[in-house]
Amino acid sequence: VGQFIENTFSEHDNSSQSTAELKEPYFSF
């Protein structure tokens, strides 16, 4: 219940991985 509340009703951190770290396609949902 605690995880569900925090994950579903709070803002997601949309900061993406830095360009220099990307070695292949990175998927986030």
PDB file of all heavy atoms in Angstrom:
ATOM      1  N   VAL A   1       0.838  -1.207   0.000  1.00  0.00           N
ATOM      2  CA  VAL A   1       0.000   0.000   0.000  1.00  0.00           C
ATOM      3  C   VAL A   1       0.867   1.250   0.000  1.00  0.00           C
ATOM      4  O   VAL A   1       0.613   2.206  -0.748  1.00  0.00           O
ATOM      5  CB  VAL A   1      -0.955  -0.007   1.211  1.00  0.00           C
ATOM      6  CG1 VAL A   1      -1.549   1.384   1.447  1.00  0.00           C
ATOM      7  CG2 VAL A   1      -2.075  -1.017   0.983  1.00  0.00           C
ATOM      8  N   GLY A   2       1.920   1.257   0.836  1.00  0.00           N
ATOM      9  CA  GLY A   2       2.801   2.419   0.881  1.00  0.00           C
ATOM     10  C   GLY A   2       3.476   2.682  -0.453  1.00  0.00           C
ATOM     11  O   GLY A   2       3.519   3.823  -0.930  1.00  0.00           O
ATOM     12  N   GLN A   3       4.000   1.631  -1.093  1.00  0.00           N
ATOM     13  CA  GLN A   3       4.649   1.789  -2.394  1.00  0.00           C
ATOM     14  C   GLN A   3       3.660   2.233  -3.459  1.00  0.00           C
ATOM     15  O   GLN A   3       3.977   3.078  -4.295  1.00  0.00           O
ATOM     16  CB  GLN A   3       5.294   0.467  -2.817  1.00  0.00           C
ATOM     17  CG  GLN A   3       6.488   0.058  -1.984  1.00  0.00           C
ATOM     18  CD  GLN A   3       7.080  -1.255  -2.455  1.00  0.00           C
ATOM     19  OE1 GLN A   3       7.357  -1.433  -3.634  1.00  0.00           O
ATOM     20  NE2 GLN A   3       7.264  -2.178  -1.535  1.00  0.00           N
ATOM     21  N   PHE A   4       2.476   1.656  -3.427  1.00  0.00           N
ATOM     22  CA  PHE A   4       1.457   2.010  -4.423  1.00  0.00           C
ATOM     23  C   PHE A   4       1.087   3.483  -4.321  1.00  0.00           C
ATOM     24  O   PHE A   4       1.016   4.187  -5.338  1.00  0.00           O
ATOM     25  CB  PHE A   4       0.221   1.137  -4.220  1.00  0.00           C
ATOM     26  CG  PHE A   4      -0.986   1.621  -4.978  1.00  0.00           C
ATOM     27  CD1 PHE A   4      -1.060   1.480  -6.351  1.00  0.00           C
ATOM     28  CD2 PHE A   4      -2.043   2.238  -4.304  1.00  0.00           C
ATOM     29  CE1 PHE A   4      -2.169   1.945  -7.049  1.00  0.00           C
ATOM     30  CE2 PHE A   4      -3.142   2.699  -4.997  1.00  0.00           C
ATOM     31  CZ  PHE A   4      -3.211   2.549  -6.373  1.00  0.00           C
ATOM     32  N   ILE A   5       0.866   3.969  -3.108  1.00  0.00           N
ATOM     33  CA  ILE A   5       0.494   5.370  -2.920  1.00  0.00           C
ATOM     34  C   ILE A   5       1.591   6.294  -3.429  1.00  0.00           C
ATOM     35  O   ILE A   5       1.338   7.254  -4.172  1.00  0.00           O
ATOM     36  CB  ILE A   5       0.198   5.646  -1.434  1.00  0.00           C
ATOM     37  CG1 ILE A   5      -1.119   4.982  -1.008  1.00  0.00           C
ATOM     38  CG2 ILE A   5       0.134   7.141  -1.163  1.00  0.00           C
ATOM     39  CD1 ILE A   5      -2.353   5.598  -1.613  1.00  0.00           C
ATOM     40  N   GLU A   6       2.825   6.029  -3.048  1.00  0.00           N
ATOM     41  CA  GLU A   6       3.934   6.898  -3.440  1.00  0.00           C
ATOM     42  C   GLU A   6       4.206   6.830  -4.935  1.00  0.00           C
ATOM     43  O   GLU A   6       4.512   7.834  -5.573  1.00  0.00           O
ATOM     44  CB  GLU A   6       5.201   6.524  -2.661  1.00  0.00           C
ATOM     45  CG  GLU A   6       5.110   6.830  -1.179  1.00  0.00           C
ATOM     46  CD  GLU A   6       4.757   8.289  -0.909  1.00  0.00           C
ATOM     47  OE1 GLU A   6       5.344   9.176  -1.560  1.00  0.00           O
ATOM     48  OE2 GLU A   6       3.898   8.535  -0.058  1.00  0.00           O
ATOM     49  N   ASN A   7       4.107   5.650  -5.532  1.00  0.00           N
ATOM     50  CA  ASN A   7       4.393   5.497  -6.960  1.00  0.00           C
ATOM     51  C   ASN A   7       3.301   6.074  -7.847  1.00  0.00           C
ATOM     52  O   ASN A   7       3.591   6.653  -8.895  1.00  0.00           O
ATOM     53  CB  ASN A   7       4.557   4.015  -7.308  1.00  0.00           C
ATOM     54  CG  ASN A   7       5.846   3.430  -6.791  1.00  0.00           C
ATOM     55  OD1 ASN A   7       6.642   4.114  -6.165  1.00  0.00           O
ATOM     56  ND2 ASN A   7       6.060   2.157  -7.034  1.00  0.00           N
ATOM     57  N   THR A   8       2.050   5.921  -7.421  1.00  0.00           N
ATOM     58  CA  THR A   8       0.933   6.229  -8.310  1.00  0.00           C
ATOM     59  C   THR A   8       0.438   7.652  -8.174  1.00  0.00           C
ATOM     60  O   THR A   8       0.030   8.271  -9.161  1.00  0.00           O
ATOM     61  CB  THR A   8      -0.241   5.256  -8.039  1.00  0.00           C
ATOM     62  OG1 THR A   8       0.240   3.911  -8.093  1.00  0.00           O
ATOM     63  CG2 THR A   8      -1.341   5.436  -9.075  1.00  0.00           C
ATOM     64  N   PHE A   9       0.481   8.206  -6.965  1.00  0.00           N
ATOM     65  CA  PHE A   9      -0.102   9.527  -6.747  1.00  0.00           C
ATOM     66  C   PHE A   9       0.947  10.598  -6.467  1.00  0.00           C
ATOM     67  O   PHE A   9       0.654  11.624  -5.879  1.00  0.00           O
ATOM     68  CB  PHE A   9      -1.103   9.478  -5.592  1.00  0.00           C
ATOM     69  CG  PHE A   9      -2.238   8.521  -5.839  1.00  0.00           C
ATOM     70  CD1 PHE A   9      -2.277   7.299  -5.204  1.00  0.00           C
ATOM     71  CD2 PHE A   9      -3.240   8.840  -6.739  1.00  0.00           C
ATOM     72  CE1 PHE A   9      -3.313   6.410  -5.435  1.00  0.00           C
ATOM     73  CE2 PHE A   9      -4.280   7.957  -6.975  1.00  0.00           C
ATOM     74  CZ  PHE A   9      -4.325   6.739  -6.332  1.00  0.00           C
ATOM     75  N   SER A  10       2.184  10.359  -6.872  1.00  0.00           N
ATOM     76  CA  SER A  10       3.232  11.368  -6.728  1.00  0.00           C
ATOM     77  C   SER A  10       3.940  11.522  -8.046  1.00  0.00           C
ATOM     78  O   SER A  10       3.900  10.629  -8.897  1.00  0.00           O
ATOM     79  CB  SER A  10       4.228  10.967  -5.643  1.00  0.00           C
ATOM     80  OG  SER A  10       4.852   9.741  -5.980  1.00  0.00           O
ATOM     81  N   GLU A  11       4.604  12.672  -8.239  1.00  0.00           N
ATOM     82  CA  GLU A  11       5.274  12.944  -9.495  1.00  0.00           C
ATOM     83  C   GLU A  11       6.472  12.037  -9.661  1.00  0.00           C
ATOM     84  O   GLU A  11       7.236  11.787  -8.741  1.00  0.00           O
ATOM     85  CB  GLU A  11       5.734  14.408  -9.557  1.00  0.00           C
ATOM     86  CG  GLU A  11       4.576  15.393  -9.628  1.00  0.00           C
ATOM     87  CD  GLU A  11       5.084  16.801  -9.817  1.00  0.00           C
ATOM     88  OE1 GLU A  11       6.303  16.983  -9.929  1.00  0.00           O
ATOM     89  OE2 GLU A  11       4.249  17.722  -9.873  1.00  0.00           O
ATOM     90  N   HIS A  12       6.630  11.566 -10.935  1.00  0.00           N
ATOM     91  CA  HIS A  12       7.780  10.718 -11.256  1.00  0.00           C
ATOM     92  C   HIS A  12       8.980  11.568 -11.600  1.00  0.00           C
ATOM     93  O   HIS A  12       8.844  12.605 -12.221  1.00  0.00           O
ATOM     94  CB  HIS A  12       7.422   9.818 -12.440  1.00  0.00           C
ATOM     95  CG  HIS A  12       8.508   8.880 -12.849  1.00  0.00           C
ATOM     96  ND1 HIS A  12       9.296   8.199 -11.950  1.00  0.00           N
ATOM     97  CD2 HIS A  12       8.953   8.519 -14.065  1.00  0.00           C
ATOM     98  CE1 HIS A  12      10.153   7.444 -12.593  1.00  0.00           C
ATOM     99  NE2 HIS A  12       9.979   7.626 -13.893  1.00  0.00           N
ATOM    100  N   ASP A  13      10.148  11.094 -11.151  1.00  0.00           N
ATOM    101  CA  ASP A  13      11.379  11.797 -11.524  1.00  0.00           C
ATOM    102  C   ASP A  13      11.697  11.503 -12.977  1.00  0.00           C
ATOM    103  O   ASP A  13      12.048  10.394 -13.337  1.00  0.00           O
ATOM    104  CB  ASP A  13      12.531  11.310 -10.633  1.00  0.00           C
ATOM    105  CG  ASP A  13      13.848  11.993 -10.970  1.00  0.00           C
ATOM    106  OD1 ASP A  13      13.821  12.982 -11.728  1.00  0.00           O
ATOM    107  OD2 ASP A  13      14.889  11.533 -10.463  1.00  0.00           O
ATOM    108  N   ASN A  14      11.561  12.538 -13.822  1.00  0.00           N
ATOM    109  CA  ASN A  14      11.750  12.346 -15.249  1.00  0.00           C
ATOM    110  C   ASN A  14      13.161  12.652 -15.705  1.00  0.00           C
ATOM    111  O   ASN A  14      13.422  12.740 -16.902  1.00  0.00           O
ATOM    112  CB  ASN A  14      10.772  13.240 -16.027  1.00  0.00           C
ATOM    113  CG  ASN A  14       9.348  12.743 -15.867  1.00  0.00           C
ATOM    114  OD1 ASN A  14       9.089  11.557 -15.932  1.00  0.00           O
ATOM    115  ND2 ASN A  14       8.431  13.663 -15.650  1.00  0.00           N
ATOM    116  N   SER A  15      14.044  12.871 -14.764  1.00  0.00           N
ATOM    117  CA  SER A  15      15.406  13.175 -15.196  1.00  0.00           C
ATOM    118  C   SER A  15      15.968  11.976 -15.931  1.00  0.00           C
ATOM    119  O   SER A  15      15.946  10.859 -15.446  1.00  0.00           O
ATOM    120  CB  SER A  15      16.280  13.510 -13.983  1.00  0.00           C
ATOM    121  OG  SER A  15      16.287  12.443 -13.071  1.00  0.00           O
ATOM    122  N   SER A  16      16.448  12.207 -17.111  1.00  0.00           N
ATOM    123  CA  SER A  16      16.932  11.123 -17.945  1.00  0.00           C
ATOM    124  C   SER A  16      18.405  10.863 -17.686  1.00  0.00           C
ATOM    125  O   SER A  16      19.126  11.686 -17.152  1.00  0.00           O
ATOM    126  CB  SER A  16      16.722  11.454 -19.425  1.00  0.00           C
ATOM    127  OG  SER A  16      17.415  12.641 -19.740  1.00  0.00           O
ATOM    128  N   GLN A  17      18.835   9.689 -18.094  1.00  0.00           N
ATOM    129  CA  GLN A  17      20.241   9.342 -17.953  1.00  0.00           C
ATOM    130  C   GLN A  17      21.053  10.263 -18.849  1.00  0.00           C
ATOM    131  O   GLN A  17      20.643  10.627 -19.926  1.00  0.00           O
ATOM    132  CB  GLN A  17      20.417   7.882 -18.390  1.00  0.00           C
ATOM    133  CG  GLN A  17      21.735   7.284 -17.979  1.00  0.00           C
ATOM    134  CD  GLN A  17      21.739   5.782 -18.224  1.00  0.00           C
ATOM    135  OE1 GLN A  17      20.755   5.220 -18.659  1.00  0.00           O
ATOM    136  NE2 GLN A  17      22.843   5.138 -17.947  1.00  0.00           N
ATOM    137  N   SER A  18      22.230  10.671 -18.394  1.00  0.00           N
ATOM    138  CA  SER A  18      23.038  11.606 -19.160  1.00  0.00           C
ATOM    139  C   SER A  18      23.455  11.001 -20.481  1.00  0.00           C
ATOM    140  O   SER A  18      23.632   9.794 -20.608  1.00  0.00           O
ATOM    141  CB  SER A  18      24.273  12.020 -18.360  1.00  0.00           C
ATOM    142  OG  SER A  18      25.137  10.914 -18.198  1.00  0.00           O
ATOM    143  N   THR A  19      23.598  11.859 -21.486  1.00  0.00           N
ATOM    144  CA  THR A  19      23.931  11.396 -22.827  1.00  0.00           C
ATOM    145  C   THR A  19      25.189  10.552 -22.835  1.00  0.00           C
ATOM    146  O   THR A  19      25.285   9.556 -23.540  1.00  0.00           O
ATOM    147  CB  THR A  19      24.119  12.617 -23.752  1.00  0.00           C
ATOM    148  OG1 THR A  19      22.920  13.388 -23.732  1.00  0.00           O
ATOM    149  CG2 THR A  19      24.411  12.186 -25.159  1.00  0.00           C
ATOM    150  N   ALA A  20      26.192  10.949 -22.045  1.00  0.00           N
ATOM    151  CA  ALA A  20      27.469  10.238 -22.068  1.00  0.00           C
ATOM    152  C   ALA A  20      27.332   8.800 -21.594  1.00  0.00           C
ATOM    153  O   ALA A  20      28.162   7.959 -21.913  1.00  0.00           O
ATOM    154  CB  ALA A  20      28.484  10.971 -21.211  1.00  0.00           C
ATOM    155  N   GLU A  21      26.290   8.486 -20.825  1.00  0.00           N
ATOM    156  CA  GLU A  21      26.137   7.150 -20.276  1.00  0.00           C
ATOM    157  C   GLU A  21      25.370   6.228 -21.207  1.00  0.00           C
ATOM    158  O   GLU A  21      25.336   5.025 -21.016  1.00  0.00           O
ATOM    159  CB  GLU A  21      25.415   7.220 -18.922  1.00  0.00           C
ATOM    160  CG  GLU A  21      26.202   7.951 -17.846  1.00  0.00           C
ATOM    161  CD  GLU A  21      25.398   8.108 -16.572  1.00  0.00           C
ATOM    162  OE1 GLU A  21      24.185   7.856 -16.605  1.00  0.00           O
ATOM    163  OE2 GLU A  21      25.979   8.481 -15.552  1.00  0.00           O
ATOM    164  N   LEU A  22      24.712   6.749 -22.213  1.00  0.00           N
ATOM    165  CA  LEU A  22      23.879   5.943 -23.079  1.00  0.00           C
ATOM    166  C   LEU A  22      24.732   5.131 -24.038  1.00  0.00           C
ATOM    167  O   LEU A  22      25.414   5.670 -24.893  1.00  0.00           O
ATOM    168  CB  LEU A  22      22.907   6.827 -23.863  1.00  0.00           C
ATOM    169  CG  LEU A  22      21.755   7.422 -23.057  1.00  0.00           C
ATOM    170  CD1 LEU A  22      20.943   8.350 -23.930  1.00  0.00           C
ATOM    171  CD2 LEU A  22      20.874   6.331 -22.476  1.00  0.00           C
ATOM    172  N   LYS A  23      24.677   3.805 -23.903  1.00  0.00           N
ATOM    173  CA  LYS A  23      25.403   2.913 -24.790  1.00  0.00           C
ATOM    174  C   LYS A  23      24.447   2.151 -25.717  1.00  0.00           C
ATOM    175  O   LYS A  23      24.880   1.532 -26.676  1.00  0.00           O
ATOM    176  CB  LYS A  23      26.213   1.899 -23.974  1.00  0.00           C
ATOM    177  CG  LYS A  23      27.191   2.540 -22.986  1.00  0.00           C
ATOM    178  CD  LYS A  23      28.247   3.371 -23.685  1.00  0.00           C
ATOM    179  CE  LYS A  23      29.252   3.918 -22.678  1.00  0.00           C
ATOM    180  NZ  LYS A  23      30.251   4.791 -23.314  1.00  0.00           N
ATOM    181  N   GLU A  24      23.163   2.178 -25.399  1.00  0.00           N
ATOM    182  CA  GLU A  24      22.155   1.475 -26.178  1.00  0.00           C
ATOM    183  C   GLU A  24      20.802   2.096 -25.864  1.00  0.00           C
ATOM    184  O   GLU A  24      20.696   2.928 -24.957  1.00  0.00           O
ATOM    185  CB  GLU A  24      22.163  -0.006 -25.799  1.00  0.00           C
ATOM    186  CG  GLU A  24      21.837  -0.253 -24.322  1.00  0.00           C
ATOM    187  CD  GLU A  24      21.719  -1.725 -23.998  1.00  0.00           C
ATOM    188  OE1 GLU A  24      20.795  -2.360 -24.545  1.00  0.00           O
ATOM    189  OE2 GLU A  24      22.534  -2.219 -23.201  1.00  0.00           O
ATOM    190  N   PRO A  25      19.751   1.726 -26.602  1.00  0.00           N
ATOM    191  CA  PRO A  25      18.423   2.288 -26.312  1.00  0.00           C
ATOM    192  C   PRO A  25      18.023   2.072 -24.851  1.00  0.00           C
ATOM    193  O   PRO A  25      18.209   0.995 -24.291  1.00  0.00           O
ATOM    194  CB  PRO A  25      17.506   1.513 -27.270  1.00  0.00           C
ATOM    195  CG  PRO A  25      18.390   1.166 -28.417  1.00  0.00           C
ATOM    196  CD  PRO A  25      19.746   0.894 -27.812  1.00  0.00           C
ATOM    197  N   TYR A  26      17.494   3.121 -24.259  1.00  0.00           N
ATOM    198  CA  TYR A  26      17.094   3.107 -22.844  1.00  0.00           C
ATOM    199  C   TYR A  26      15.600   3.387 -22.781  1.00  0.00           C
ATOM    200  O   TYR A  26      15.117   4.369 -23.339  1.00  0.00           O
ATOM    201  CB  TYR A  26      17.870   4.173 -22.075  1.00  0.00           C
ATOM    202  CG  TYR A  26      17.666   4.141 -20.575  1.00  0.00           C
ATOM    203  CD1 TYR A  26      18.533   3.448 -19.755  1.00  0.00           C
ATOM    204  CD2 TYR A  26      16.608   4.826 -19.987  1.00  0.00           C
ATOM    205  CE1 TYR A  26      18.365   3.423 -18.374  1.00  0.00           C
ATOM    206  CE2 TYR A  26      16.423   4.802 -18.611  1.00  0.00           C
ATOM    207  CZ  TYR A  26      17.303   4.098 -17.811  1.00  0.00           C
ATOM    208  OH  TYR A  26      17.111   4.079 -16.444  1.00  0.00           O
ATOM    209  N   PHE A  27      14.850   2.488 -22.120  1.00  0.00           N
ATOM    210  CA  PHE A  27      13.394   2.590 -22.096  1.00  0.00           C
ATOM    211  C   PHE A  27      12.924   2.959 -20.694  1.00  0.00           C
ATOM    212  O   PHE A  27      13.418   2.411 -19.706  1.00  0.00           O
ATOM    213  CB  PHE A  27      12.769   1.251 -22.510  1.00  0.00           C
ATOM    214  CG  PHE A  27      11.263   1.275 -22.551  1.00  0.00           C
ATOM    215  CD1 PHE A  27      10.593   1.823 -23.628  1.00  0.00           C
ATOM    216  CD2 PHE A  27      10.527   0.743 -21.506  1.00  0.00           C
ATOM    217  CE1 PHE A  27       9.213   1.838 -23.674  1.00  0.00           C
ATOM    218  CE2 PHE A  27       9.144   0.753 -21.533  1.00  0.00           C
ATOM    219  CZ  PHE A  27       8.488   1.303 -22.623  1.00  0.00           C
ATOM    220  N   SER A  28      11.976   3.885 -20.617  1.00  0.00           N
ATOM    221  CA  SER A  28      11.422   4.281 -19.321  1.00  0.00           C
ATOM    222  C   SER A  28       9.923   4.526 -19.466  1.00  0.00           C
ATOM    223  O   SER A  28       9.491   5.181 -20.420  1.00  0.00           O
ATOM    224  CB  SER A  28      12.113   5.552 -18.822  1.00  0.00           C
ATOM    225  OG  SER A  28      11.569   5.952 -17.580  1.00  0.00           O
ATOM    226  N   PHE A  29       9.145   3.971 -18.532  1.00  0.00           N
ATOM    227  CA  PHE A  29       7.687   4.119 -18.569  1.00  0.00           C
ATOM    228  C   PHE A  29       7.177   4.245 -17.149  1.00  0.00           C
ATOM    229  O   PHE A  29       7.629   3.544 -16.245  1.00  0.00           O
ATOM    230  CB  PHE A  29       7.053   2.890 -19.239  1.00  0.00           C
ATOM    231  CG  PHE A  29       5.551   2.841 -19.122  1.00  0.00           C
ATOM    232  CD1 PHE A  29       4.757   3.526 -20.018  1.00  0.00           C
ATOM    233  CD2 PHE A  29       4.945   2.111 -18.108  1.00  0.00           C
ATOM    234  CE1 PHE A  29       3.375   3.477 -19.920  1.00  0.00           C
ATOM    235  CE2 PHE A  29       3.566   2.062 -17.994  1.00  0.00           C
ATOM    236  CZ  PHE A  29       2.775   2.743 -18.909  1.00  0.00           C
TER     237      PHE A  29
END
